[in-house]
Amino acid sequence: MDIFLFKLLNQVAGINIWSDRLIVFAADYLLYFLILFLLIWALVWKNFWVAAFALVTAVFSRFLVTEIIRFFYDRSRPFEILENVRQLVDHTTGSSFPSGHAAFAFGLAFFVYIHNKKKGICYLIIALLIGLGRVAAGVHYPSDILGGLIVGLVSAWAVRGVYIRLADKNKK
């Protein structure tokens, strides 16, 4: 099923230059816009602590949890083992599961969702587009994205617990 979904999404790559540019944008650059939107949200609506903890969640999820999983489970990337993969972005080999981009994006998005449902849904949609872009670009399997989503969700709930304790401590 994983390979079937991968091939289905990856076949969109190479259709034309515009689809390729859109895939590369989603796979490599949309994450920066997600961070930019978070910073704008923090400045305009004065939600500095939520934005700070959302970034902490994203970093925790990507650079700690994801790397611990990859230490114990080293999965090859699709372009390493499958034939006829249309790889649109350069990437190193190995360590495909879970997707670091997805873990970062979903960690940030779920933390925002916990604190603001409407904005959170927008962030979750963008995180999903990033994940789909990574698959279509040929550097991740769909299960890598699902793994990143789960890592992001669990990280958001864990960091939320710290956030609540600190908020309660500051009220006293």
Protein backbone atom coordinates (compact mmCIF):
# COMPACT_ATOMS: atom_id res chain seq x y z
CA MET A 1 0.00 0.00 0.00
CA ASP A 2 2.84 2.37 0.93
CA ILE A 3 4.64 1.82 -2.39
CA PHE A 4 1.37 2.08 -4.33
CA LEU A 5 0.55 5.47 -2.75
CA PHE A 6 4.14 6.61 -3.25
CA LYS A 7 4.04 5.78 -6.97
CA LEU A 8 0.63 7.41 -7.32
CA LEU A 9 1.89 10.71 -5.86
CA ASN A 10 5.35 10.54 -7.44
CA GLN A 11 3.91 10.14 -10.93
CA VAL A 12 2.70 13.76 -10.72
CA ALA A 13 6.38 14.78 -10.85
CA GLY A 14 7.55 15.34 -14.38
CA ILE A 15 4.14 16.12 -15.87
CA ASN A 16 5.21 19.67 -16.65
CA ILE A 17 7.45 22.41 -15.32
CA TRP A 18 4.64 24.02 -13.30
CA SER A 19 3.69 20.87 -11.45
CA ASP A 20 7.38 20.26 -10.70
CA ARG A 21 7.82 23.79 -9.38
CA LEU A 22 4.75 23.43 -7.19
CA ILE A 23 6.00 20.12 -5.80
CA VAL A 24 9.47 21.56 -5.09
CA PHE A 25 7.90 24.60 -3.43
CA ALA A 26 5.75 22.40 -1.18
CA ALA A 27 8.58 19.96 -0.43
CA ASP A 28 11.39 22.45 0.26
CA TYR A 29 10.09 25.97 0.82
CA LEU A 30 6.57 25.87 2.26
CA LEU A 31 7.98 25.04 5.70
CA TYR A 32 9.63 28.48 5.82
CA PHE A 33 6.28 30.12 5.11
CA LEU A 34 4.74 28.11 7.95
CA ILE A 35 7.35 29.58 10.31
CA LEU A 36 6.84 33.07 8.84
CA PHE A 37 3.06 32.82 9.37
CA LEU A 38 3.71 31.78 12.98
CA LEU A 39 5.95 34.80 13.57
CA ILE A 40 3.42 37.17 11.99
CA TRP A 41 0.67 35.61 14.12
CA ALA A 42 2.81 36.13 17.24
CA LEU A 43 3.39 39.78 16.41
CA VAL A 44 -0.09 40.72 15.24
CA TRP A 45 -2.13 38.83 17.83
CA LYS A 46 0.49 39.05 20.58
CA ASN A 47 0.64 35.31 21.16
CA PHE A 48 4.37 35.19 21.82
CA TRP A 49 4.31 32.27 24.24
CA VAL A 50 2.15 30.12 22.01
CA ALA A 51 4.42 30.84 19.05
CA ALA A 52 7.55 30.18 21.11
CA PHE A 53 6.22 26.87 22.40
CA ALA A 54 5.03 25.91 18.92
CA LEU A 55 8.60 26.38 17.69
CA VAL A 56 9.93 24.45 20.69
CA THR A 57 7.53 21.63 19.79
CA ALA A 58 8.67 21.63 16.18
CA VAL A 59 12.37 21.57 17.11
CA PHE A 60 11.82 18.91 19.81
CA SER A 61 9.86 16.76 17.40
CA ARG A 62 12.33 17.11 14.51
CA PHE A 63 15.73 17.17 16.17
CA LEU A 64 15.18 14.94 19.20
CA VAL A 65 12.32 12.50 18.72
CA THR A 66 12.86 11.93 14.99
CA GLU A 67 16.60 11.41 15.43
CA ILE A 68 16.06 8.92 18.27
CA ILE A 69 13.71 6.90 16.06
CA ARG A 70 16.17 7.06 13.14
CA PHE A 71 18.98 5.84 15.41
CA PHE A 72 17.08 2.60 15.97
CA TYR A 73 15.38 2.32 12.57
CA ASP A 74 17.29 3.33 9.44
CA ARG A 75 14.94 3.13 6.48
CA SER A 76 16.19 3.73 2.94
CA ARG A 77 14.59 6.47 0.89
CA PRO A 78 12.38 5.58 -2.08
CA PHE A 79 14.87 6.86 -4.66
CA GLU A 80 17.49 4.47 -3.21
CA ILE A 81 15.56 1.24 -3.69
CA LEU A 82 12.70 1.77 -6.13
CA GLU A 83 13.07 2.02 -9.88
CA ASN A 84 11.87 4.98 -11.97
CA VAL A 85 11.51 7.39 -9.05
CA ARG A 86 11.19 10.98 -10.18
CA GLN A 87 13.34 12.77 -7.61
CA LEU A 88 12.78 16.53 -7.78
CA VAL A 89 14.83 17.64 -4.76
CA ASP A 90 18.37 16.66 -3.80
CA HIS A 91 18.63 14.66 -0.63
CA THR A 92 21.13 12.48 1.18
CA THR A 93 20.53 8.76 1.37
CA GLY A 94 19.11 6.84 4.34
CA SER A 95 17.02 7.84 7.34
CA SER A 96 13.67 8.23 5.68
CA PHE A 97 11.41 7.33 8.62
CA PRO A 98 9.94 9.42 10.09
CA SER A 99 10.03 12.49 7.90
CA GLY A 100 11.83 15.31 9.70
CA HIS A 101 9.99 17.92 7.64
CA ALA A 102 6.65 16.35 8.55
CA ALA A 103 7.57 16.02 12.22
CA PHE A 104 8.57 19.70 12.35
CA ALA A 105 5.54 20.96 10.41
CA PHE A 106 2.97 18.79 12.22
CA GLY A 107 4.51 19.47 15.63
CA LEU A 108 4.15 23.19 15.02
CA ALA A 109 0.68 22.81 13.49
CA PHE A 110 -0.73 20.62 16.28
CA PHE A 111 0.55 22.98 18.97
CA VAL A 112 -1.14 25.90 17.20
CA TYR A 113 -4.30 23.80 16.81
CA ILE A 114 -4.40 23.08 20.56
CA HIS A 115 -4.51 26.82 21.24
CA ASN A 116 -6.48 28.11 18.24
CA LYS A 117 -8.61 25.65 16.26
CA LYS A 118 -9.24 27.88 13.24
CA LYS A 119 -5.60 28.84 12.73
CA GLY A 120 -4.55 25.32 13.62
CA ILE A 121 -6.59 23.84 10.78
CA CYS A 122 -4.81 26.17 8.33
CA TYR A 123 -1.44 25.10 9.75
CA LEU A 124 -2.42 21.41 9.53
CA ILE A 125 -3.40 21.83 5.88
CA ILE A 126 -0.04 23.45 5.13
CA ALA A 127 1.76 20.66 7.02
CA LEU A 128 -0.13 18.09 4.95
CA LEU A 129 0.86 19.88 1.73
CA ILE A 130 4.49 19.79 2.85
CA GLY A 131 4.20 16.05 3.46
CA LEU A 132 2.52 15.38 0.13
CA GLY A 133 5.20 17.48 -1.57
CA ARG A 134 7.94 15.37 0.04
CA VAL A 135 6.32 12.19 -1.30
CA ALA A 136 5.66 13.61 -4.78
CA ALA A 137 9.28 14.87 -4.89
CA GLY A 138 10.47 11.29 -4.39
CA VAL A 139 12.25 11.62 -1.03
CA HIS A 140 9.69 10.03 1.35
CA TYR A 141 7.11 7.30 1.49
CA PRO A 142 3.58 8.16 2.70
CA SER A 143 4.25 6.17 5.90
CA ASP A 144 7.25 8.45 6.59
CA ILE A 145 4.85 11.40 6.54
CA LEU A 146 2.37 9.55 8.75
CA GLY A 147 5.20 8.79 11.16
CA GLY A 148 6.15 12.48 11.19
CA LEU A 149 2.51 13.40 11.84
CA ILE A 150 2.37 11.05 14.83
CA VAL A 151 5.71 12.33 16.18
CA GLY A 152 4.44 15.91 15.81
CA LEU A 153 1.15 15.12 17.54
CA VAL A 154 2.76 13.34 20.50
CA SER A 155 5.38 16.10 20.80
CA ALA A 156 2.69 18.80 20.77
CA TRP A 157 0.83 17.09 23.63
CA ALA A 158 4.06 16.61 25.59
CA VAL A 159 5.14 20.23 25.19
CA ARG A 160 1.58 21.35 25.95
CA GLY A 161 1.95 19.75 29.38
CA VAL A 162 5.08 21.81 30.05
CA TYR A 163 3.36 24.94 28.71
CA ILE A 164 0.38 24.45 31.06
CA ARG A 165 2.63 23.87 34.09
CA LEU A 166 4.62 27.02 33.33
CA ALA A 167 1.44 29.04 32.73
CA ASP A 168 -0.03 27.82 36.04
CA LYS A 169 3.22 28.58 37.85
CA ASN A 170 3.25 32.15 36.47
CA LYS A 171 -0.35 32.75 37.63
CA LYS A 172 0.64 32.15 41.28
